[in-house]
């Protein structure tokens, strides 16, 4: 039983690290998308304002 538990925890560590990297990438892309959306809205407002 102890050996099985050790194996499971050992396998979970690298996968969790990969998951963190993916989450970080997703957060970064979300930030970029938000910034792009804001700039586009500003451009549209500027065009309509003129």
PDB file of N, CA and C in Angstrom:
ATOM      1  N   UNK A   1       0.837  -1.212   0.000  1.00  0.00           N
ATOM      2  CA  UNK A   1       0.000   0.000   0.000  1.00  0.00           C
ATOM      3  C   UNK A   1       0.870   1.261   0.000  1.00  0.00           C
ATOM      4  N   UNK A   2       1.910   1.246   0.837  1.00  0.00           N
ATOM      5  CA  UNK A   2       2.783   2.424   0.962  1.00  0.00           C
ATOM      6  C   UNK A   2       3.472   2.711  -0.377  1.00  0.00           C
ATOM      7  N   UNK A   3       3.944   1.639  -1.042  1.00  0.00           N
ATOM      8  CA  UNK A   3       4.642   1.808  -2.323  1.00  0.00           C
ATOM      9  C   UNK A   3       3.688   2.415  -3.360  1.00  0.00           C
ATOM     10  N   UNK A   4       2.442   1.940  -3.357  1.00  0.00           N
ATOM     11  CA  UNK A   4       1.450   2.453  -4.317  1.00  0.00           C
ATOM     12  C   UNK A   4       1.217   3.948  -4.096  1.00  0.00           C
ATOM     13  N   UNK A   5       1.061   4.341  -2.842  1.00  0.00           N
ATOM     14  CA  UNK A   5       0.816   5.753  -2.509  1.00  0.00           C
ATOM     15  C   UNK A   5       1.994   6.603  -2.968  1.00  0.00           C
ATOM     16  N   UNK A   6       3.212   6.118  -2.719  1.00  0.00           N
ATOM     17  CA  UNK A   6       4.421   6.863  -3.120  1.00  0.00           C
ATOM     18  C   UNK A   6       4.434   7.051  -4.633  1.00  0.00           C
ATOM     19  N   UNK A   7       4.121   5.994  -5.363  1.00  0.00           N
ATOM     20  CA  UNK A   7       4.136   6.050  -6.830  1.00  0.00           C
ATOM     21  C   UNK A   7       3.128   7.092  -7.326  1.00  0.00           C
ATOM     22  N   UNK A   8       1.930   7.095  -6.751  1.00  0.00           N
ATOM     23  CA  UNK A   8       0.886   8.037  -7.168  1.00  0.00           C
ATOM     24  C   UNK A   8       1.322   9.478  -6.947  1.00  0.00           C
ATOM     25  N   UNK A   9       1.877   9.769  -5.770  1.00  0.00           N
ATOM     26  CA  UNK A   9       2.298  11.140  -5.472  1.00  0.00           C
ATOM     27  C   UNK A   9       3.431  11.542  -6.406  1.00  0.00           C
ATOM     28  N   UNK A  10       4.336  10.607  -6.685  1.00  0.00           N
ATOM     29  CA  UNK A  10       5.475  10.908  -7.561  1.00  0.00           C
ATOM     30  C   UNK A  10       4.984  11.249  -8.967  1.00  0.00           C
ATOM     31  N   UNK A  11       3.952  10.529  -9.428  1.00  0.00           N
ATOM     32  CA  UNK A  11       3.409  10.773 -10.772  1.00  0.00           C
ATOM     33  C   UNK A  11       2.633  12.096 -10.836  1.00  0.00           C
ATOM     34  N   UNK A  12       2.037  12.488  -9.721  1.00  0.00           N
ATOM     35  CA  UNK A  12       1.203  13.696  -9.703  1.00  0.00           C
ATOM     36  C   UNK A  12       2.033  14.975  -9.751  1.00  0.00           C
ATOM     37  N   UNK A  13       3.253  14.945  -9.237  1.00  0.00           N
ATOM     38  CA  UNK A  13       4.060  16.174  -9.142  1.00  0.00           C
ATOM     39  C   UNK A  13       4.341  16.801 -10.513  1.00  0.00           C
ATOM     40  N   UNK A  14       4.948  16.081 -11.484  1.00  0.00           N
ATOM     41  CA  UNK A  14       5.253  16.693 -12.782  1.00  0.00           C
ATOM     42  C   UNK A  14       4.002  17.160 -13.526  1.00  0.00           C
ATOM     43  N   UNK A  15       2.912  16.393 -13.444  1.00  0.00           N
ATOM     44  CA  UNK A  15       1.689  16.766 -14.154  1.00  0.00           C
ATOM     45  C   UNK A  15       1.121  18.061 -13.579  1.00  0.00           C
ATOM     46  N   UNK A  16       1.181  18.209 -12.245  1.00  0.00           N
ATOM     47  CA  UNK A  16       0.655  19.433 -11.617  1.00  0.00           C
ATOM     48  C   UNK A  16       1.488  20.629 -12.058  1.00  0.00           C
ATOM     49  N   UNK A  17       2.807  20.434 -12.198  1.00  0.00           N
ATOM     50  CA  UNK A  17       3.683  21.528 -12.648  1.00  0.00           C
ATOM     51  C   UNK A  17       3.280  21.949 -14.058  1.00  0.00           C
ATOM     52  N   UNK A  18       3.029  20.991 -14.937  1.00  0.00           N
ATOM     53  CA  UNK A  18       2.607  21.296 -16.310  1.00  0.00           C
ATOM     54  C   UNK A  18       1.286  22.056 -16.283  1.00  0.00           C
ATOM     55  N   UNK A  19       0.366  21.631 -15.406  1.00  0.00           N
ATOM     56  CA  UNK A  19      -0.931  22.292 -15.286  1.00  0.00           C
ATOM     57  C   UNK A  19      -0.757  23.749 -14.896  1.00  0.00           C
ATOM     58  N   UNK A  20       0.172  24.015 -13.948  1.00  0.00           N
ATOM     59  CA  UNK A  20       0.439  25.393 -13.520  1.00  0.00           C
ATOM     60  C   UNK A  20       0.914  26.226 -14.704  1.00  0.00           C
ATOM     61  N   UNK A  21       1.811  25.644 -15.515  1.00  0.00           N
ATOM     62  CA  UNK A  21       2.339  26.371 -16.679  1.00  0.00           C
ATOM     63  C   UNK A  21       1.201  26.718 -17.635  1.00  0.00           C
ATOM     64  N   UNK A  22       0.305  25.775 -17.878  1.00  0.00           N
ATOM     65  CA  UNK A  22      -0.822  26.000 -18.790  1.00  0.00           C
ATOM     66  C   UNK A  22      -1.715  27.109 -18.241  1.00  0.00           C
ATOM     67  N   UNK A  23      -1.986  27.052 -16.918  1.00  0.00           N
ATOM     68  CA  UNK A  23      -2.834  28.072 -16.286  1.00  0.00           C
ATOM     69  C   UNK A  23      -2.197  29.443 -16.433  1.00  0.00           C
ATOM     70  N   UNK A  24      -0.877  29.508 -16.210  1.00  0.00           N
ATOM     71  CA  UNK A  24      -0.165  30.782 -16.327  1.00  0.00           C
ATOM     72  C   UNK A  24      -0.296  31.325 -17.744  1.00  0.00           C
ATOM     73  N   UNK A  25      -0.126  30.444 -18.726  1.00  0.00           N
ATOM     74  CA  UNK A  25      -0.230  30.858 -20.140  1.00  0.00           C
ATOM     75  C   UNK A  25      -1.637  31.385 -20.415  1.00  0.00           C
ATOM     76  N   UNK A  26      -2.651  30.682 -19.903  1.00  0.00           N
ATOM     77  CA  UNK A  26      -4.045  31.085 -20.131  1.00  0.00           C
ATOM     78  C   UNK A  26      -4.296  32.449 -19.507  1.00  0.00           C
ATOM     79  N   UNK A  27      -3.796  32.664 -18.293  1.00  0.00           N
ATOM     80  CA  UNK A  27      -3.976  33.950 -17.613  1.00  0.00           C
ATOM     81  C   UNK A  27      -3.332  35.060 -18.426  1.00  0.00           C
ATOM     82  N   UNK A  28      -2.121  34.784 -18.945  1.00  0.00           N
ATOM     83  CA  UNK A  28      -1.397  35.776 -19.750  1.00  0.00           C
ATOM     84  C   UNK A  28      -2.204  36.123 -20.994  1.00  0.00           C
ATOM     85  N   UNK A  29      -2.718  35.101 -21.681  1.00  0.00           N
ATOM     86  CA  UNK A  29      -3.478  35.326 -22.917  1.00  0.00           C
ATOM     87  C   UNK A  29      -4.751  36.109 -22.602  1.00  0.00           C
ATOM     88  N   UNK A  30      -5.371  35.818 -21.450  1.00  0.00           N
ATOM     89  CA  UNK A  30      -6.589  36.538 -21.057  1.00  0.00           C
ATOM     90  C   UNK A  30      -6.277  38.015 -20.882  1.00  0.00           C
ATOM     91  N   UNK A  31      -5.147  38.299 -20.223  1.00  0.00           N
ATOM     92  CA  UNK A  31      -4.740  39.698 -20.005  1.00  0.00           C
ATOM     93  C   UNK A  31      -4.557  40.387 -21.349  1.00  0.00           C
ATOM     94  N   UNK A  32      -3.870  39.714 -22.276  1.00  0.00           N
ATOM     95  CA  UNK A  32      -3.623  40.292 -23.601  1.00  0.00           C
ATOM     96  C   UNK A  32      -4.950  40.546 -24.315  1.00  0.00           C
ATOM     97  N   UNK A  33      -5.861  39.584 -24.232  1.00  0.00           N
ATOM     98  CA  UNK A  33      -7.163  39.730 -24.895  1.00  0.00           C
ATOM     99  C   UNK A  33      -7.918  40.917 -24.312  1.00  0.00           C
ATOM    100  N   UNK A  34      -7.854  41.072 -22.986  1.00  0.00           N
ATOM    101  CA  UNK A  34      -8.545  42.193 -22.334  1.00  0.00           C
ATOM    102  C   UNK A  34      -7.963  43.516 -22.807  1.00  0.00           C
ATOM    103  N   UNK A  35      -6.630  43.583 -22.865  1.00  0.00           N
ATOM    104  CA  UNK A  35      -5.970  44.816 -23.317  1.00  0.00           C
ATOM    105  C   UNK A  35      -6.371  45.128 -24.755  1.00  0.00           C
ATOM    106  N   UNK A  36      -6.392  44.106 -25.603  1.00  0.00           N
ATOM    107  CA  UNK A  36      -6.777  44.298 -27.010  1.00  0.00           C
ATOM    108  C   UNK A  36      -8.213  44.807 -27.091  1.00  0.00           C
ATOM    109  N   UNK A  37      -9.106  44.195 -26.327  1.00  0.00           N
ATOM    110  CA  UNK A  37     -10.519  44.597 -26.334  1.00  0.00           C
ATOM    111  C   UNK A  37     -10.642  46.057 -25.919  1.00  0.00           C
ATOM    112  N   UNK A  38      -9.895  46.441 -24.881  1.00  0.00           N
ATOM    113  CA  UNK A  38      -9.947  47.832 -24.401  1.00  0.00           C
ATOM    114  C   UNK A  38      -9.480  48.792 -25.488  1.00  0.00           C
ATOM    115  N   UNK A  39      -8.368  48.457 -26.135  1.00  0.00           N
ATOM    116  CA  UNK A  39      -7.822  49.342 -27.175  1.00  0.00           C
ATOM    117  C   UNK A  39      -8.799  49.451 -28.349  1.00  0.00           C
ATOM    118  N   UNK A  40      -9.438  48.331 -28.707  1.00  0.00           N
ATOM    119  CA  UNK A  40     -10.403  48.342 -29.815  1.00  0.00           C
ATOM    120  C   UNK A  40     -11.590  49.236 -29.447  1.00  0.00           C
ATOM    121  N   UNK A  41     -12.080  49.100 -28.202  1.00  0.00           N
ATOM    122  CA  UNK A  41     -13.218  49.922 -27.747  1.00  0.00           C
ATOM    123  C   UNK A  41     -12.827  51.394 -27.793  1.00  0.00           C
ATOM    124  N   UNK A  42     -11.602  51.700 -27.361  1.00  0.00           N
ATOM    125  CA  UNK A  42     -11.122  53.090 -27.389  1.00  0.00           C
ATOM    126  C   UNK A  42     -11.095  53.608 -28.823  1.00  0.00           C
ATOM    127  N   UNK A  43     -10.602  52.780 -29.746  1.00  0.00           N
ATOM    128  CA  UNK A  43     -10.532  53.180 -31.158  1.00  0.00           C
ATOM    129  C   UNK A  43     -11.934  53.470 -31.688  1.00  0.00           C
ATOM    130  N   UNK A  44     -12.881  52.555 -31.418  1.00  0.00           N
ATOM    131  CA  UNK A  44     -14.254  52.745 -31.895  1.00  0.00           C
ATOM    132  C   UNK A  44     -14.852  54.018 -31.322  1.00  0.00           C
ATOM    133  N   UNK A  45     -14.604  54.263 -30.021  1.00  0.00           N
ATOM    134  CA  UNK A  45     -15.139  55.470 -29.378  1.00  0.00           C
ATOM    135  C   UNK A  45     -14.538  56.712 -30.031  1.00  0.00           C
ATOM    136  N   UNK A  46     -13.239  56.636 -30.337  1.00  0.00           N
ATOM    137  CA  UNK A  46     -12.575  57.770 -30.973  1.00  0.00           C
ATOM    138  C   UNK A  46     -13.155  58.031 -32.353  1.00  0.00           C
ATOM    139  N   UNK A  47     -13.415  56.959 -33.127  1.00  0.00           N
ATOM    140  CA  UNK A  47     -13.970  57.103 -34.481  1.00  0.00           C
ATOM    141  C   UNK A  47     -15.383  57.681 -34.394  1.00  0.00           C
ATOM    142  N   UNK A  48     -16.211  57.136 -33.483  1.00  0.00           N
ATOM    143  CA  UNK A  48     -17.595  57.603 -33.350  1.00  0.00           C
ATOM    144  C   UNK A  48     -17.615  59.021 -32.787  1.00  0.00           C
ATOM    145  N   UNK A  49     -16.657  59.338 -31.895  1.00  0.00           N
ATOM    146  CA  UNK A  49     -16.579  60.677 -31.302  1.00  0.00           C
ATOM    147  C   UNK A  49     -16.283  61.726 -32.356  1.00  0.00           C
ATOM    148  N   UNK A  50     -15.421  61.364 -33.320  1.00  0.00           N
ATOM    149  CA  UNK A  50     -15.050  62.303 -34.392  1.00  0.00           C
ATOM    150  C   UNK A  50     -16.252  62.474 -35.316  1.00  0.00           C
TER     151      UNK A  50
END
